[in-house]
Amino acid sequence: MQVKQSRLNNTIAKTIITNTATFIDRNFDFKLGEVNTHLKQMPLKQLDIFANQSFQKQYSIIVTMVNDEQFHGKLIKRINQNKYILKINNSFFKIVQLEQIKSINLV
């Protein structure tokens, strides 16, 4: 009897945990250190092409990051294939990684 009751309690506990986790996942957005894979982001290949073109031609661009921050400036240096230095003004520079960029737009 105790074995059956233990198994039943275990099943009920698993069901409650699963249902609670599903409810939280569907209804709340905690962003607990996880990268949200549902972000609408330009494809990395397209970002690479846009960034490379903007860097070579010194276009003035607006970079929108995945956290919806926007920066207006010019890409002045390429660190590696995925990192650039964005000059925002004479005293403010930002290192941007293509994985952290949502979109690049010309001004």
PDB file of N, CA and C in Angstrom:
ATOM      1  N   MET A   1       0.815  -1.197   0.000  1.00  0.00           N
ATOM      2  CA  MET A   1       0.000   0.000   0.000  1.00  0.00           C
ATOM      3  C   MET A   1       0.857   1.259   0.000  1.00  0.00           C
ATOM      4  N   GLN A   2       1.931   1.259   0.775  1.00  0.00           N
ATOM      5  CA  GLN A   2       2.793   2.445   0.840  1.00  0.00           C
ATOM      6  C   GLN A   2       3.513   2.676  -0.485  1.00  0.00           C
ATOM      7  N   VAL A   3       3.866   1.601  -1.187  1.00  0.00           N
ATOM      8  CA  VAL A   3       4.549   1.733  -2.460  1.00  0.00           C
ATOM      9  C   VAL A   3       3.617   2.371  -3.485  1.00  0.00           C
ATOM     10  N   LYS A   4       2.360   1.921  -3.531  1.00  0.00           N
ATOM     11  CA  LYS A   4       1.392   2.495  -4.459  1.00  0.00           C
ATOM     12  C   LYS A   4       1.132   3.962  -4.138  1.00  0.00           C
ATOM     13  N   GLN A   5       1.013   4.270  -2.855  1.00  0.00           N
ATOM     14  CA  GLN A   5       0.750   5.647  -2.435  1.00  0.00           C
ATOM     15  C   GLN A   5       1.952   6.539  -2.768  1.00  0.00           C
ATOM     16  N   SER A   6       3.155   6.030  -2.574  1.00  0.00           N
ATOM     17  CA  SER A   6       4.369   6.783  -2.890  1.00  0.00           C
ATOM     18  C   SER A   6       4.452   7.066  -4.389  1.00  0.00           C
ATOM     19  N   ARG A   7       4.139   6.058  -5.199  1.00  0.00           N
ATOM     20  CA  ARG A   7       4.163   6.208  -6.646  1.00  0.00           C
ATOM     21  C   ARG A   7       3.104   7.214  -7.096  1.00  0.00           C
ATOM     22  N   LEU A   8       1.928   7.171  -6.475  1.00  0.00           N
ATOM     23  CA  LEU A   8       0.848   8.094  -6.791  1.00  0.00           C
ATOM     24  C   LEU A   8       1.249   9.525  -6.425  1.00  0.00           C
ATOM     25  N   ASN A   9       1.841   9.714  -5.239  1.00  0.00           N
ATOM     26  CA  ASN A   9       2.300  11.035  -4.815  1.00  0.00           C
ATOM     27  C   ASN A   9       3.385  11.564  -5.755  1.00  0.00           C
ATOM     28  N   ASN A  10       4.264  10.662  -6.204  1.00  0.00           N
ATOM     29  CA  ASN A  10       5.332  11.038  -7.115  1.00  0.00           C
ATOM     30  C   ASN A  10       4.755  11.499  -8.452  1.00  0.00           C
ATOM     31  N   THR A  11       3.780  10.790  -8.955  1.00  0.00           N
ATOM     32  CA  THR A  11       3.136  11.141 -10.219  1.00  0.00           C
ATOM     33  C   THR A  11       2.400  12.470 -10.100  1.00  0.00           C
ATOM     34  N   ILE A  12       1.686  12.654  -9.001  1.00  0.00           N
ATOM     35  CA  ILE A  12       0.970  13.913  -8.786  1.00  0.00           C
ATOM     36  C   ILE A  12       1.959  15.077  -8.694  1.00  0.00           C
ATOM     37  N   ALA A  13       3.058  14.890  -7.975  1.00  0.00           N
ATOM     38  CA  ALA A  13       4.072  15.940  -7.839  1.00  0.00           C
ATOM     39  C   ALA A  13       4.670  16.291  -9.203  1.00  0.00           C
ATOM     40  N   LYS A  14       4.994  15.282 -10.010  1.00  0.00           N
ATOM     41  CA  LYS A  14       5.549  15.545 -11.342  1.00  0.00           C
ATOM     42  C   LYS A  14       4.551  16.296 -12.214  1.00  0.00           C
ATOM     43  N   THR A  15       3.288  15.914 -12.138  1.00  0.00           N
ATOM     44  CA  THR A  15       2.249  16.582 -12.933  1.00  0.00           C
ATOM     45  C   THR A  15       2.106  18.039 -12.508  1.00  0.00           C
ATOM     46  N   ILE A  16       2.090  18.289 -11.217  1.00  0.00           N
ATOM     47  CA  ILE A  16       1.961  19.662 -10.713  1.00  0.00           C
ATOM     48  C   ILE A  16       3.164  20.506 -11.146  1.00  0.00           C
ATOM     49  N   ILE A  17       4.363  19.953 -11.014  1.00  0.00           N
ATOM     50  CA  ILE A  17       5.572  20.679 -11.403  1.00  0.00           C
ATOM     51  C   ILE A  17       5.561  20.989 -12.901  1.00  0.00           C
ATOM     52  N   THR A  18       5.210  20.008 -13.710  1.00  0.00           N
ATOM     53  CA  THR A  18       5.167  20.201 -15.159  1.00  0.00           C
ATOM     54  C   THR A  18       4.133  21.247 -15.543  1.00  0.00           C
ATOM     55  N   ASN A  19       2.937  21.140 -14.981  1.00  0.00           N
ATOM     56  CA  ASN A  19       1.880  22.097 -15.298  1.00  0.00           C
ATOM     57  C   ASN A  19       2.237  23.511 -14.846  1.00  0.00           C
ATOM     58  N   THR A  20       2.852  23.640 -13.680  1.00  0.00           N
ATOM     59  CA  THR A  20       3.261  24.948 -13.178  1.00  0.00           C
ATOM     60  C   THR A  20       4.347  25.561 -14.053  1.00  0.00           C
ATOM     61  N   ALA A  21       5.331  24.746 -14.420  1.00  0.00           N
ATOM     62  CA  ALA A  21       6.414  25.235 -15.286  1.00  0.00           C
ATOM     63  C   ALA A  21       5.876  25.661 -16.641  1.00  0.00           C
ATOM     64  N   THR A  22       4.959  24.898 -17.194  1.00  0.00           N
ATOM     65  CA  THR A  22       4.354  25.247 -18.481  1.00  0.00           C
ATOM     66  C   THR A  22       3.557  26.544 -18.368  1.00  0.00           C
ATOM     67  N   PHE A  23       2.798  26.694 -17.304  1.00  0.00           N
ATOM     68  CA  PHE A  23       2.021  27.913 -17.085  1.00  0.00           C
ATOM     69  C   PHE A  23       2.928  29.134 -16.978  1.00  0.00           C
ATOM     70  N   ILE A  24       3.999  29.022 -16.206  1.00  0.00           N
ATOM     71  CA  ILE A  24       4.939  30.132 -16.042  1.00  0.00           C
ATOM     72  C   ILE A  24       5.616  30.453 -17.367  1.00  0.00           C
ATOM     73  N   ASP A  25       6.020  29.429 -18.087  1.00  0.00           N
ATOM     74  CA  ASP A  25       6.698  29.627 -19.364  1.00  0.00           C
ATOM     75  C   ASP A  25       5.808  30.331 -20.379  1.00  0.00           C
ATOM     76  N   ARG A  26       4.532  30.003 -20.400  1.00  0.00           N
ATOM     77  CA  ARG A  26       3.615  30.597 -21.370  1.00  0.00           C
ATOM     78  C   ARG A  26       3.164  31.999 -20.989  1.00  0.00           C
ATOM     79  N   ASN A  27       3.117  32.304 -19.695  1.00  0.00           N
ATOM     80  CA  ASN A  27       2.494  33.554 -19.258  1.00  0.00           C
ATOM     81  C   ASN A  27       3.449  34.608 -18.709  1.00  0.00           C
ATOM     82  N   PHE A  28       4.643  34.234 -18.354  1.00  0.00           N
ATOM     83  CA  PHE A  28       5.571  35.188 -17.772  1.00  0.00           C
ATOM     84  C   PHE A  28       6.896  35.143 -18.514  1.00  0.00           C
ATOM     85  N   ASP A  29       7.568  36.292 -18.569  1.00  0.00           N
ATOM     86  CA  ASP A  29       8.859  36.385 -19.232  1.00  0.00           C
ATOM     87  C   ASP A  29       9.876  36.872 -18.205  1.00  0.00           C
ATOM     88  N   PHE A  30      10.566  35.948 -17.570  1.00  0.00           N
ATOM     89  CA  PHE A  30      11.517  36.308 -16.528  1.00  0.00           C
ATOM     90  C   PHE A  30      12.897  36.626 -17.068  1.00  0.00           C
ATOM     91  N   LYS A  31      13.280  36.049 -18.213  1.00  0.00           N
ATOM     92  CA  LYS A  31      14.602  36.237 -18.809  1.00  0.00           C
ATOM     93  C   LYS A  31      15.701  35.995 -17.782  1.00  0.00           C
ATOM     94  N   LEU A  32      15.720  34.824 -17.237  1.00  0.00           N
ATOM     95  CA  LEU A  32      16.675  34.486 -16.188  1.00  0.00           C
ATOM     96  C   LEU A  32      18.017  34.060 -16.765  1.00  0.00           C
ATOM     97  N   GLY A  33      18.681  34.945 -17.449  1.00  0.00           N
ATOM     98  CA  GLY A  33      20.009  34.665 -17.959  1.00  0.00           C
ATOM     99  C   GLY A  33      20.032  33.851 -19.233  1.00  0.00           C
ATOM    100  N   GLU A  34      18.886  33.484 -19.741  1.00  0.00           N
ATOM    101  CA  GLU A  34      18.850  32.703 -20.966  1.00  0.00           C
ATOM    102  C   GLU A  34      18.761  33.632 -22.154  1.00  0.00           C
ATOM    103  N   VAL A  35      19.356  33.220 -23.256  1.00  0.00           N
ATOM    104  CA  VAL A  35      19.233  33.970 -24.490  1.00  0.00           C
ATOM    105  C   VAL A  35      17.910  33.587 -25.115  1.00  0.00           C
ATOM    106  N   ASN A  36      17.099  34.585 -25.383  1.00  0.00           N
ATOM    107  CA  ASN A  36      15.796  34.332 -25.970  1.00  0.00           C
ATOM    108  C   ASN A  36      15.978  33.974 -27.434  1.00  0.00           C
ATOM    109  N   THR A  37      15.630  32.758 -27.808  1.00  0.00           N
ATOM    110  CA  THR A  37      15.823  32.311 -29.182  1.00  0.00           C
ATOM    111  C   THR A  37      14.675  32.735 -30.083  1.00  0.00           C
ATOM    112  N   HIS A  38      13.661  33.409 -29.522  1.00  0.00           N
ATOM    113  CA  HIS A  38      12.514  33.829 -30.306  1.00  0.00           C
ATOM    114  C   HIS A  38      12.626  35.272 -30.767  1.00  0.00           C
ATOM    115  N   LEU A  39      13.796  35.869 -30.641  1.00  0.00           N
ATOM    116  CA  LEU A  39      13.983  37.254 -31.051  1.00  0.00           C
ATOM    117  C   LEU A  39      13.927  37.372 -32.556  1.00  0.00           C
ATOM    118  N   LYS A  40      13.305  38.434 -33.026  1.00  0.00           N
ATOM    119  CA  LYS A  40      13.294  38.687 -34.460  1.00  0.00           C
ATOM    120  C   LYS A  40      14.572  39.430 -34.779  1.00  0.00           C
ATOM    121  N   GLN A  41      15.474  38.736 -35.413  1.00  0.00           N
ATOM    122  CA  GLN A  41      16.798  39.268 -35.693  1.00  0.00           C
ATOM    123  C   GLN A  41      17.115  39.020 -37.162  1.00  0.00           C
ATOM    124  N   MET A  42      17.842  39.967 -37.752  1.00  0.00           N
ATOM    125  CA  MET A  42      18.297  39.744 -39.115  1.00  0.00           C
ATOM    126  C   MET A  42      19.168  38.488 -39.116  1.00  0.00           C
ATOM    127  N   PRO A  43      19.169  37.724 -40.184  1.00  0.00           N
ATOM    128  CA  PRO A  43      20.068  36.568 -40.247  1.00  0.00           C
ATOM    129  C   PRO A  43      21.524  37.022 -40.108  1.00  0.00           C
ATOM    130  N   LEU A  44      22.341  36.211 -39.443  1.00  0.00           N
ATOM    131  CA  LEU A  44      23.733  36.591 -39.189  1.00  0.00           C
ATOM    132  C   LEU A  44      24.506  36.864 -40.470  1.00  0.00           C
ATOM    133  N   LYS A  45      24.226  36.121 -41.515  1.00  0.00           N
ATOM    134  CA  LYS A  45      24.920  36.348 -42.793  1.00  0.00           C
ATOM    135  C   LYS A  45      24.585  37.733 -43.335  1.00  0.00           C
ATOM    136  N   GLN A  46      23.318  38.120 -43.227  1.00  0.00           N
ATOM    137  CA  GLN A  46      22.905  39.438 -43.687  1.00  0.00           C
ATOM    138  C   GLN A  46      23.518  40.536 -42.812  1.00  0.00           C
ATOM    139  N   LEU A  47      23.547  40.321 -41.496  1.00  0.00           N
ATOM    140  CA  LEU A  47      24.191  41.279 -40.594  1.00  0.00           C
ATOM    141  C   LEU A  47      25.670  41.432 -40.943  1.00  0.00           C
ATOM    142  N   ASP A  48      26.316  40.315 -41.256  1.00  0.00           N
ATOM    143  CA  ASP A  48      27.727  40.348 -41.618  1.00  0.00           C
ATOM    144  C   ASP A  48      27.939  41.182 -42.881  1.00  0.00           C
ATOM    145  N   ILE A  49      27.090  40.988 -43.870  1.00  0.00           N
ATOM    146  CA  ILE A  49      27.203  41.743 -45.124  1.00  0.00           C
ATOM    147  C   ILE A  49      26.959  43.234 -44.862  1.00  0.00           C
ATOM    148  N   PHE A  50      25.891  43.570 -44.127  1.00  0.00           N
ATOM    149  CA  PHE A  50      25.575  44.966 -43.837  1.00  0.00           C
ATOM    150  C   PHE A  50      26.693  45.625 -43.029  1.00  0.00           C
ATOM    151  N   ALA A  51      27.199  44.933 -42.012  1.00  0.00           N
ATOM    152  CA  ALA A  51      28.255  45.498 -41.177  1.00  0.00           C
ATOM    153  C   ALA A  51      29.524  45.709 -41.994  1.00  0.00           C
ATOM    154  N   ASN A  52      29.886  44.744 -42.804  1.00  0.00           N
ATOM    155  CA  ASN A  52      31.090  44.856 -43.622  1.00  0.00           C
ATOM    156  C   ASN A  52      30.968  46.014 -44.613  1.00  0.00           C
ATOM    157  N   GLN A  53      29.831  46.131 -45.257  1.00  0.00           N
ATOM    158  CA  GLN A  53      29.593  47.213 -46.206  1.00  0.00           C
ATOM    159  C   GLN A  53      29.604  48.575 -45.501  1.00  0.00           C
ATOM    160  N   SER A  54      28.959  48.657 -44.349  1.00  0.00           N
ATOM    161  CA  SER A  54      28.923  49.907 -43.585  1.00  0.00           C
ATOM    162  C   SER A  54      30.315  50.308 -43.123  1.00  0.00           C
ATOM    163  N   PHE A  55      31.116  49.320 -42.744  1.00  0.00           N
ATOM    164  CA  PHE A  55      32.485  49.585 -42.306  1.00  0.00           C
ATOM    165  C   PHE A  55      33.342  50.084 -43.469  1.00  0.00           C
ATOM    166  N   GLN A  56      33.280  49.401 -44.595  1.00  0.00           N
ATOM    167  CA  GLN A  56      34.117  49.759 -45.735  1.00  0.00           C
ATOM    168  C   GLN A  56      33.759  51.128 -46.315  1.00  0.00           C
ATOM    169  N   LYS A  57      32.475  51.444 -46.380  1.00  0.00           N
ATOM    170  CA  LYS A  57      32.047  52.700 -46.999  1.00  0.00           C
ATOM    171  C   LYS A  57      31.825  53.812 -45.984  1.00  0.00           C
ATOM    172  N   GLN A  58      32.051  53.517 -44.680  1.00  0.00           N
ATOM    173  CA  GLN A  58      31.891  54.496 -43.594  1.00  0.00           C
ATOM    174  C   GLN A  58      30.502  55.138 -43.581  1.00  0.00           C
ATOM    175  N   TYR A  59      29.480  54.289 -43.770  1.00  0.00           N
ATOM    176  CA  TYR A  59      28.107  54.769 -43.722  1.00  0.00           C
ATOM    177  C   TYR A  59      27.738  55.149 -42.291  1.00  0.00           C
ATOM    178  N   SER A  60      26.865  56.127 -42.171  1.00  0.00           N
ATOM    179  CA  SER A  60      26.270  56.469 -40.889  1.00  0.00           C
ATOM    180  C   SER A  60      25.079  55.525 -40.705  1.00  0.00           C
ATOM    181  N   ILE A  61      25.060  54.792 -39.601  1.00  0.00           N
ATOM    182  CA  ILE A  61      24.055  53.737 -39.404  1.00  0.00           C
ATOM    183  C   ILE A  61      23.386  53.848 -38.038  1.00  0.00           C
ATOM    184  N   ILE A  62      22.263  53.181 -37.924  1.00  0.00           N
ATOM    185  CA  ILE A  62      21.606  52.981 -36.635  1.00  0.00           C
ATOM    186  C   ILE A  62      21.644  51.486 -36.365  1.00  0.00           C
ATOM    187  N   VAL A  63      22.258  51.120 -35.253  1.00  0.00           N
ATOM    188  CA  VAL A  63      22.351  49.720 -34.847  1.00  0.00           C
ATOM    189  C   VAL A  63      21.331  49.486 -33.742  1.00  0.00           C
ATOM    190  N   THR A  64      20.438  48.541 -33.958  1.00  0.00           N
ATOM    191  CA  THR A  64      19.463  48.158 -32.938  1.00  0.00           C
ATOM    192  C   THR A  64      19.931  46.841 -32.329  1.00  0.00           C
ATOM    193  N   MET A  65      20.138  46.862 -31.017  1.00  0.00           N
ATOM    194  CA  MET A  65      20.603  45.673 -30.304  1.00  0.00           C
ATOM    195  C   MET A  65      19.403  44.783 -29.965  1.00  0.00           C
ATOM    196  N   VAL A  66      19.672  43.537 -29.576  1.00  0.00           N
ATOM    197  CA  VAL A  66      18.584  42.599 -29.264  1.00  0.00           C
ATOM    198  C   VAL A  66      17.782  43.037 -28.044  1.00  0.00           C
ATOM    199  N   ASN A  67      18.350  43.892 -27.195  1.00  0.00           N
ATOM    200  CA  ASN A  67      17.599  44.402 -26.039  1.00  0.00           C
ATOM    201  C   ASN A  67      16.908  45.724 -26.376  1.00  0.00           C
ATOM    202  N   ASP A  68      16.799  46.034 -27.682  1.00  0.00           N
ATOM    203  CA  ASP A  68      16.121  47.202 -28.235  1.00  0.00           C
ATOM    204  C   ASP A  68      16.821  48.532 -27.966  1.00  0.00           C
ATOM    205  N   GLU A  69      18.067  48.519 -27.523  1.00  0.00           N
ATOM    206  CA  GLU A  69      18.854  49.748 -27.454  1.00  0.00           C
ATOM    207  C   GLU A  69      19.251  50.124 -28.874  1.00  0.00           C
ATOM    208  N   GLN A  70      19.290  51.408 -29.152  1.00  0.00           N
ATOM    209  CA  GLN A  70      19.706  51.862 -30.470  1.00  0.00           C
ATOM    210  C   GLN A  70      20.895  52.795 -30.340  1.00  0.00           C
ATOM    211  N   PHE A  71      21.849  52.642 -31.254  1.00  0.00           N
ATOM    212  CA  PHE A  71      23.033  53.480 -31.289  1.00  0.00           C
ATOM    213  C   PHE A  71      23.208  54.004 -32.707  1.00  0.00           C
ATOM    214  N   HIS A  72      23.499  55.296 -32.810  1.00  0.00           N
ATOM    215  CA  HIS A  72      23.714  55.948 -34.101  1.00  0.00           C
ATOM    216  C   HIS A  72      25.191  56.278 -34.218  1.00  0.00           C
ATOM    217  N   GLY A  73      25.831  55.826 -35.286  1.00  0.00           N
ATOM    218  CA  GLY A  73      27.239  56.113 -35.459  1.00  0.00           C
ATOM    219  C   GLY A  73      27.804  55.457 -36.704  1.00  0.00           C
ATOM    220  N   LYS A  74      29.133  55.275 -36.680  1.00  0.00           N
ATOM    221  CA  LYS A  74      29.836  54.646 -37.797  1.00  0.00           C
ATOM    222  C   LYS A  74      30.723  53.533 -37.272  1.00  0.00           C
ATOM    223  N   LEU A  75      30.811  52.447 -38.037  1.00  0.00           N
ATOM    224  CA  LEU A  75      31.734  51.367 -37.697  1.00  0.00           C
ATOM    225  C   LEU A  75      33.126  51.809 -38.145  1.00  0.00           C
ATOM    226  N   ILE A  76      34.053  51.929 -37.187  1.00  0.00           N
ATOM    227  CA  ILE A  76      35.364  52.472 -37.538  1.00  0.00           C
ATOM    228  C   ILE A  76      36.473  51.427 -37.544  1.00  0.00           C
ATOM    229  N   LYS A  77      36.239  50.284 -36.915  1.00  0.00           N
ATOM    230  CA  LYS A  77      37.280  49.254 -36.878  1.00  0.00           C
ATOM    231  C   LYS A  77      36.637  47.885 -36.766  1.00  0.00           C
ATOM    232  N   ARG A  78      37.234  46.945 -37.479  1.00  0.00           N
ATOM    233  CA  ARG A  78      36.786  45.553 -37.404  1.00  0.00           C
ATOM    234  C   ARG A  78      37.777  44.797 -36.540  1.00  0.00           C
ATOM    235  N   ILE A  79      37.295  44.260 -35.416  1.00  0.00           N
ATOM    236  CA  ILE A  79      38.160  43.514 -34.499  1.00  0.00           C
ATOM    237  C   ILE A  79      38.360  42.100 -35.010  1.00  0.00           C
ATOM    238  N   ASN A  80      37.271  41.434 -35.326  1.00  0.00           N
ATOM    239  CA  ASN A  80      37.301  40.120 -35.972  1.00  0.00           C
ATOM    240  C   ASN A  80      36.028  39.989 -36.799  1.00  0.00           C
ATOM    241  N   GLN A  81      35.733  38.821 -37.289  1.00  0.00           N
ATOM    242  CA  GLN A  81      34.590  38.652 -38.181  1.00  0.00           C
ATOM    243  C   GLN A  81      33.271  39.029 -37.525  1.00  0.00           C
ATOM    244  N   ASN A  82      33.165  38.906 -36.213  1.00  0.00           N
ATOM    245  CA  ASN A  82      31.897  39.154 -35.533  1.00  0.00           C
ATOM    246  C   ASN A  82      31.890  40.380 -34.635  1.00  0.00           C
ATOM    247  N   LYS A  83      32.999  41.121 -34.537  1.00  0.00           N
ATOM    248  CA  LYS A  83      33.073  42.276 -33.636  1.00  0.00           C
ATOM    249  C   LYS A  83      33.556  43.507 -34.375  1.00  0.00           C
ATOM    250  N   TYR A  84      32.877  44.623 -34.087  1.00  0.00           N
ATOM    251  CA  TYR A  84      33.236  45.916 -34.649  1.00  0.00           C
ATOM    252  C   TYR A  84      33.258  46.959 -33.544  1.00  0.00           C
ATOM    253  N   ILE A  85      33.956  48.053 -33.800  1.00  0.00           N
ATOM    254  CA  ILE A  85      33.909  49.200 -32.906  1.00  0.00           C
ATOM    255  C   ILE A  85      33.024  50.244 -33.577  1.00  0.00           C
ATOM    256  N   LEU A  86      31.992  50.663 -32.863  1.00  0.00           N
ATOM    257  CA  LEU A  86      31.047  51.652 -33.343  1.00  0.00           C
ATOM    258  C   LEU A  86      31.381  52.988 -32.691  1.00  0.00           C
ATOM    259  N   LYS A  87      31.672  53.999 -33.510  1.00  0.00           N
ATOM    260  CA  LYS A  87      31.946  55.339 -32.994  1.00  0.00           C
ATOM    261  C   LYS A  87      30.626  56.095 -32.954  1.00  0.00           C
ATOM    262  N   ILE A  88      30.181  56.403 -31.731  1.00  0.00           N
ATOM    263  CA  ILE A  88      28.908  57.086 -31.547  1.00  0.00           C
ATOM    264  C   ILE A  88      29.121  58.602 -31.578  1.00  0.00           C
ATOM    265  N   ASN A  89      30.148  59.081 -30.892  1.00  0.00           N
ATOM    266  CA  ASN A  89      30.586  60.471 -30.994  1.00  0.00           C
ATOM    267  C   ASN A  89      32.082  60.498 -30.681  1.00  0.00           C
ATOM    268  N   ASN A  90      32.674  61.671 -30.560  1.00  0.00           N
ATOM    269  CA  ASN A  90      34.125  61.758 -30.371  1.00  0.00           C
ATOM    270  C   ASN A  90      34.616  61.151 -29.067  1.00  0.00           C
ATOM    271  N   SER A  91      33.739  60.992 -28.106  1.00  0.00           N
ATOM    272  CA  SER A  91      34.187  60.456 -26.821  1.00  0.00           C
ATOM    273  C   SER A  91      33.500  59.151 -26.420  1.00  0.00           C
ATOM    274  N   PHE A  92      32.624  58.621 -27.255  1.00  0.00           N
ATOM    275  CA  PHE A  92      31.903  57.403 -26.896  1.00  0.00           C
ATOM    276  C   PHE A  92      31.992  56.382 -28.016  1.00  0.00           C
ATOM    277  N   PHE A  93      32.548  55.230 -27.683  1.00  0.00           N
ATOM    278  CA  PHE A  93      32.690  54.123 -28.615  1.00  0.00           C
ATOM    279  C   PHE A  93      32.037  52.894 -28.003  1.00  0.00           C
ATOM    280  N   LYS A  94      31.571  52.000 -28.834  1.00  0.00           N
ATOM    281  CA  LYS A  94      30.952  50.768 -28.336  1.00  0.00           C
ATOM    282  C   LYS A  94      31.437  49.603 -29.177  1.00  0.00           C
ATOM    283  N   ILE A  95      31.806  48.525 -28.499  1.00  0.00           N
ATOM    284  CA  ILE A  95      32.144  47.286 -29.193  1.00  0.00           C
ATOM    285  C   ILE A  95      30.838  46.533 -29.407  1.00  0.00           C
ATOM    286  N   VAL A  96      30.550  46.231 -30.664  1.00  0.00           N
ATOM    287  CA  VAL A  96      29.306  45.519 -30.984  1.00  0.00           C
ATOM    288  C   VAL A  96      29.648  44.165 -31.595  1.00  0.00           C
ATOM    289  N   GLN A  97      28.896  43.152 -31.168  1.00  0.00           N
ATOM    290  CA  GLN A  97      29.031  41.809 -31.712  1.00  0.00           C
ATOM    291  C   GLN A  97      27.805  41.532 -32.571  1.00  0.00           C
ATOM    292  N   LEU A  98      28.002  40.884 -33.689  1.00  0.00           N
ATOM    293  CA  LEU A  98      26.884  40.619 -34.597  1.00  0.00           C
ATOM    294  C   LEU A  98      25.780  39.806 -33.930  1.00  0.00           C
ATOM    295  N   GLU A  99      26.141  38.919 -33.012  1.00  0.00           N
ATOM    296  CA  GLU A  99      25.126  38.094 -32.333  1.00  0.00           C
ATOM    297  C   GLU A  99      24.222  38.938 -31.446  1.00  0.00           C
ATOM    298  N   GLN A 100      24.693  40.122 -31.028  1.00  0.00           N
ATOM    299  CA  GLN A 100      23.923  40.991 -30.144  1.00  0.00           C
ATOM    300  C   GLN A 100      23.142  42.070 -30.899  1.00  0.00           C
ATOM    301  N   ILE A 101      23.251  42.059 -32.230  1.00  0.00           N
ATOM    302  CA  ILE A 101      22.587  43.064 -33.045  1.00  0.00           C
ATOM    303  C   ILE A 101      21.296  42.490 -33.626  1.00  0.00           C
ATOM    304  N   LYS A 102      20.238  43.260 -33.513  1.00  0.00           N
ATOM    305  CA  LYS A 102      18.958  42.865 -34.103  1.00  0.00           C
ATOM    306  C   LYS A 102      18.901  43.330 -35.560  1.00  0.00           C
ATOM    307  N   SER A 103      19.325  44.584 -35.818  1.00  0.00           N
ATOM    308  CA  SER A 103      19.282  45.102 -37.180  1.00  0.00           C
ATOM    309  C   SER A 103      20.262  46.252 -37.353  1.00  0.00           C
ATOM    310  N   ILE A 104      20.636  46.489 -38.599  1.00  0.00           N
ATOM    311  CA  ILE A 104      21.480  47.614 -38.987  1.00  0.00           C
ATOM    312  C   ILE A 104      20.731  48.374 -40.069  1.00  0.00           C
ATOM    313  N   ASN A 105      20.553  49.680 -39.865  1.00  0.00           N
ATOM    314  CA  ASN A 105      19.834  50.511 -40.829  1.00  0.00           C
ATOM    315  C   ASN A 105      20.674  51.726 -41.210  1.00  0.00           C
ATOM    316  N   LEU A 106      20.633  52.086 -42.476  1.00  0.00           N
ATOM    317  CA  LEU A 106      21.308  53.294 -42.931  1.00  0.00           C
ATOM    318  C   LEU A 106      20.527  54.510 -42.482  1.00  0.00           C
ATOM    319  N   VAL A 107      21.257  55.598 -42.213  1.00  0.00           N
ATOM    320  CA  VAL A 107      20.612  56.848 -41.822  1.00  0.00           C
ATOM    321  C   VAL A 107      20.366  57.687 -43.047  1.00  0.00           C
TER     322      VAL A 107
END
